[in-house]
Amino acid sequence: MYSAARSQGTLATYHRHLVDAPGGGAPTAGPAWLADPGSRDLTSHVDFTSVRRAAERAGLATLSIAAQTRFLLDILEGSPLVAELSAPDRLADRLALKTLLMPGGLGSTHTAMVFAKR
């Protein structure tokens, strides 16, 4: 996270499943994250240790730090959404969910942190 490769930061955008890394745009085009507002997903590497420490100092309890796949599967367990997605006309929704769950893809590269207070 603090390597020379990330000297311009860790913010990156995704558009049509392709990443625009920091500094990857044309010099006159500006940063990729400013291009086409609303049409790109923004992501960044996060120092989870620092976030967790700050949250706990603020009185929050850490409930979970999990890969996106595990986080979403835990939410879906027992959810009526699973049955709804089995309908033949929900193929596009099932494929979209699969993209978020796939190990080795977004399911492994994204992490969810869950905190609670009282």
C-alpha atoms as a PDB file:
ATOM      1  CA  MET A   1       0.000   0.000   0.000  1.00  0.00           C
ATOM      2  CA  TYR A   2       2.887   2.350   0.681  1.00  0.00           C
ATOM      3  CA  SER A   3       5.086   1.181  -2.212  1.00  0.00           C
ATOM      4  CA  ALA A   4       6.508   3.391  -4.948  1.00  0.00           C
ATOM      5  CA  ALA A   5       3.983   1.844  -7.350  1.00  0.00           C
ATOM      6  CA  ARG A   6       1.257   3.644  -5.406  1.00  0.00           C
ATOM      7  CA  SER A   7       3.040   7.009  -5.216  1.00  0.00           C
ATOM      8  CA  GLN A   8       0.054   8.686  -6.881  1.00  0.00           C
ATOM      9  CA  GLY A   9      -2.357   7.076  -4.448  1.00  0.00           C
ATOM     10  CA  THR A  10      -4.510   3.979  -4.461  1.00  0.00           C
ATOM     11  CA  LEU A  11      -7.726   5.392  -5.902  1.00  0.00           C
ATOM     12  CA  ALA A  12      -8.727   3.609  -9.095  1.00  0.00           C
ATOM     13  CA  THR A  13     -11.828   3.492 -11.278  1.00  0.00           C
ATOM     14  CA  TYR A  14     -13.471   0.613 -13.066  1.00  0.00           C
ATOM     15  CA  HIS A  15     -15.425   1.002 -16.271  1.00  0.00           C
ATOM     16  CA  ARG A  16     -16.788  -2.050 -18.084  1.00  0.00           C
ATOM     17  CA  HIS A  17     -14.698  -4.297 -15.807  1.00  0.00           C
ATOM     18  CA  LEU A  18     -11.437  -2.568 -16.797  1.00  0.00           C
ATOM     19  CA  VAL A  19      -9.341  -0.638 -14.306  1.00  0.00           C
ATOM     20  CA  ASP A  20      -7.985   2.866 -14.795  1.00  0.00           C
ATOM     21  CA  ALA A  21      -5.104   3.043 -12.328  1.00  0.00           C
ATOM     22  CA  PRO A  22      -3.915   6.350 -10.836  1.00  0.00           C
ATOM     23  CA  GLY A  23      -1.931   8.337 -13.384  1.00  0.00           C
ATOM     24  CA  GLY A  24      -3.148   6.092 -16.188  1.00  0.00           C
ATOM     25  CA  GLY A  25      -5.041   8.778 -18.089  1.00  0.00           C
ATOM     26  CA  ALA A  26      -3.652  11.060 -20.747  1.00  0.00           C
ATOM     27  CA  PRO A  27      -1.844  14.055 -19.197  1.00  0.00           C
ATOM     28  CA  THR A  28      -4.417  16.534 -20.496  1.00  0.00           C
ATOM     29  CA  ALA A  29      -7.395  14.336 -19.650  1.00  0.00           C
ATOM     30  CA  GLY A  30      -6.963  14.644 -15.874  1.00  0.00           C
ATOM     31  CA  PRO A  31      -7.350  11.794 -13.415  1.00  0.00           C
ATOM     32  CA  ALA A  32      -9.435   8.824 -14.546  1.00  0.00           C
ATOM     33  CA  TRP A  33     -11.736   9.200 -11.539  1.00  0.00           C
ATOM     34  CA  LEU A  34     -12.944  12.555 -12.903  1.00  0.00           C
ATOM     35  CA  ALA A  35     -13.886  11.149 -16.314  1.00  0.00           C
ATOM     36  CA  ASP A  36     -17.542  10.388 -17.013  1.00  0.00           C
ATOM     37  CA  PRO A  37     -18.976  11.101 -13.530  1.00  0.00           C
ATOM     38  CA  GLY A  38     -21.473   8.460 -12.465  1.00  0.00           C
ATOM     39  CA  SER A  39     -20.381   5.905 -15.054  1.00  0.00           C
ATOM     40  CA  ARG A  40     -17.399   4.452 -13.182  1.00  0.00           C
ATOM     41  CA  ASP A  41     -16.985   2.488  -9.988  1.00  0.00           C
ATOM     42  CA  LEU A  42     -14.436   3.968  -7.594  1.00  0.00           C
ATOM     43  CA  THR A  43     -12.199   1.808  -5.435  1.00  0.00           C
ATOM     44  CA  SER A  44      -9.152   2.284  -3.290  1.00  0.00           C
ATOM     45  CA  HIS A  45      -6.763   0.203  -1.257  1.00  0.00           C
ATOM     46  CA  VAL A  46      -7.519   0.726   2.403  1.00  0.00           C
ATOM     47  CA  ASP A  47      -5.371   0.321   5.505  1.00  0.00           C
ATOM     48  CA  PHE A  48      -7.869  -1.849   7.376  1.00  0.00           C
ATOM     49  CA  THR A  49      -5.755  -1.892  10.528  1.00  0.00           C
ATOM     50  CA  SER A  50      -5.946   1.909  10.801  1.00  0.00           C
ATOM     51  CA  VAL A  51      -9.673   1.958  10.022  1.00  0.00           C
ATOM     52  CA  ARG A  52     -10.352  -0.728  12.628  1.00  0.00           C
ATOM     53  CA  ARG A  53      -8.295   1.043  15.295  1.00  0.00           C
ATOM     54  CA  ALA A  54     -10.031   4.375  14.620  1.00  0.00           C
ATOM     55  CA  ALA A  55     -13.467   2.745  14.713  1.00  0.00           C
ATOM     56  CA  GLU A  56     -12.715   0.989  17.984  1.00  0.00           C
ATOM     57  CA  ARG A  57     -11.357   4.229  19.509  1.00  0.00           C
ATOM     58  CA  ALA A  58     -14.704   5.819  18.544  1.00  0.00           C
ATOM     59  CA  GLY A  59     -16.564   3.133  20.485  1.00  0.00           C
ATOM     60  CA  LEU A  60     -17.437   0.782  17.651  1.00  0.00           C
ATOM     61  CA  ALA A  61     -17.042  -2.978  17.868  1.00  0.00           C
ATOM     62  CA  THR A  62     -15.621  -4.826  14.876  1.00  0.00           C
ATOM     63  CA  LEU A  63     -18.131  -7.501  13.876  1.00  0.00           C
ATOM     64  CA  SER A  64     -16.536  -8.731  10.672  1.00  0.00           C
ATOM     65  CA  ILE A  65     -13.774  -8.184   8.173  1.00  0.00           C
ATOM     66  CA  ALA A  66     -14.427 -10.542   5.280  1.00  0.00           C
ATOM     67  CA  ALA A  67     -13.884 -11.013   1.583  1.00  0.00           C
ATOM     68  CA  GLN A  68     -16.835  -9.790  -0.451  1.00  0.00           C
ATOM     69  CA  THR A  69     -17.792 -13.371  -1.380  1.00  0.00           C
ATOM     70  CA  ARG A  70     -18.167 -14.425   2.273  1.00  0.00           C
ATOM     71  CA  PHE A  71     -19.893 -11.160   3.217  1.00  0.00           C
ATOM     72  CA  LEU A  72     -22.532 -11.498   0.473  1.00  0.00           C
ATOM     73  CA  LEU A  73     -23.075 -15.231   1.019  1.00  0.00           C
ATOM     74  CA  ASP A  74     -23.708 -14.571   4.726  1.00  0.00           C
ATOM     75  CA  ILE A  75     -26.286 -11.904   3.812  1.00  0.00           C
ATOM     76  CA  LEU A  76     -27.965 -14.161   1.246  1.00  0.00           C
ATOM     77  CA  GLU A  77     -28.204 -17.165   3.562  1.00  0.00           C
ATOM     78  CA  GLY A  78     -31.879 -17.661   4.273  1.00  0.00           C
ATOM     79  CA  SER A  79     -32.853 -14.610   2.231  1.00  0.00           C
ATOM     80  CA  PRO A  80     -35.981 -14.749   0.051  1.00  0.00           C
ATOM     81  CA  LEU A  81     -33.880 -13.096  -2.656  1.00  0.00           C
ATOM     82  CA  VAL A  82     -32.262 -16.463  -3.446  1.00  0.00           C
ATOM     83  CA  ALA A  83     -35.626 -17.967  -4.391  1.00  0.00           C
ATOM     84  CA  GLU A  84     -36.599 -14.853  -6.342  1.00  0.00           C
ATOM     85  CA  LEU A  85     -33.406 -15.030  -8.389  1.00  0.00           C
ATOM     86  CA  SER A  86     -34.201 -18.585  -9.476  1.00  0.00           C
ATOM     87  CA  ALA A  87     -36.983 -17.308 -11.758  1.00  0.00           C
ATOM     88  CA  PRO A  88     -36.172 -17.712 -15.469  1.00  0.00           C
ATOM     89  CA  ASP A  89     -36.551 -13.978 -16.141  1.00  0.00           C
ATOM     90  CA  ARG A  90     -33.862 -13.124 -13.524  1.00  0.00           C
ATOM     91  CA  LEU A  91     -30.887 -14.510 -15.474  1.00  0.00           C
ATOM     92  CA  ALA A  92     -29.254 -11.092 -15.830  1.00  0.00           C
ATOM     93  CA  ASP A  93     -29.551 -10.555 -12.067  1.00  0.00           C
ATOM     94  CA  ARG A  94     -28.057 -13.987 -11.330  1.00  0.00           C
ATOM     95  CA  LEU A  95     -25.115 -13.254 -13.627  1.00  0.00           C
ATOM     96  CA  ALA A  96     -24.565  -9.858 -11.997  1.00  0.00           C
ATOM     97  CA  LEU A  97     -24.538 -11.486  -8.559  1.00  0.00           C
ATOM     98  CA  LYS A  98     -22.156 -14.161  -9.798  1.00  0.00           C
ATOM     99  CA  THR A  99     -19.716 -11.402 -10.836  1.00  0.00           C
ATOM    100  CA  LEU A 100     -19.725 -10.087  -7.257  1.00  0.00           C
ATOM    101  CA  LEU A 101     -19.289 -13.547  -5.714  1.00  0.00           C
ATOM    102  CA  MET A 102     -16.659 -15.148  -7.940  1.00  0.00           C
ATOM    103  CA  PRO A 103     -13.528 -16.168  -6.031  1.00  0.00           C
ATOM    104  CA  GLY A 104     -10.488 -14.893  -7.885  1.00  0.00           C
ATOM    105  CA  GLY A 105     -12.513 -11.938  -9.154  1.00  0.00           C
ATOM    106  CA  LEU A 106     -14.349  -9.157  -7.345  1.00  0.00           C
ATOM    107  CA  GLY A 107     -15.394 -11.574  -4.623  1.00  0.00           C
ATOM    108  CA  SER A 108     -11.769 -12.014  -3.583  1.00  0.00           C
ATOM    109  CA  THR A 109     -10.361  -8.577  -4.271  1.00  0.00           C
ATOM    110  CA  HIS A 110     -12.949  -6.565  -2.352  1.00  0.00           C
ATOM    111  CA  THR A 111     -13.390  -6.623   1.416  1.00  0.00           C
ATOM    112  CA  ALA A 112     -16.262  -5.607   3.655  1.00  0.00           C
ATOM    113  CA  MET A 113     -15.857  -4.349   7.216  1.00  0.00           C
ATOM    114  CA  VAL A 114     -18.821  -4.347   9.564  1.00  0.00           C
ATOM    115  CA  PHE A 115     -18.909  -2.364  12.792  1.00  0.00           C
ATOM    116  CA  ALA A 116     -21.586  -1.935  15.436  1.00  0.00           C
ATOM    117  CA  LYS A 117     -22.232   0.410  18.303  1.00  0.00           C
ATOM    118  CA  ARG A 118     -24.218  -0.834  21.275  1.00  0.00           C
END
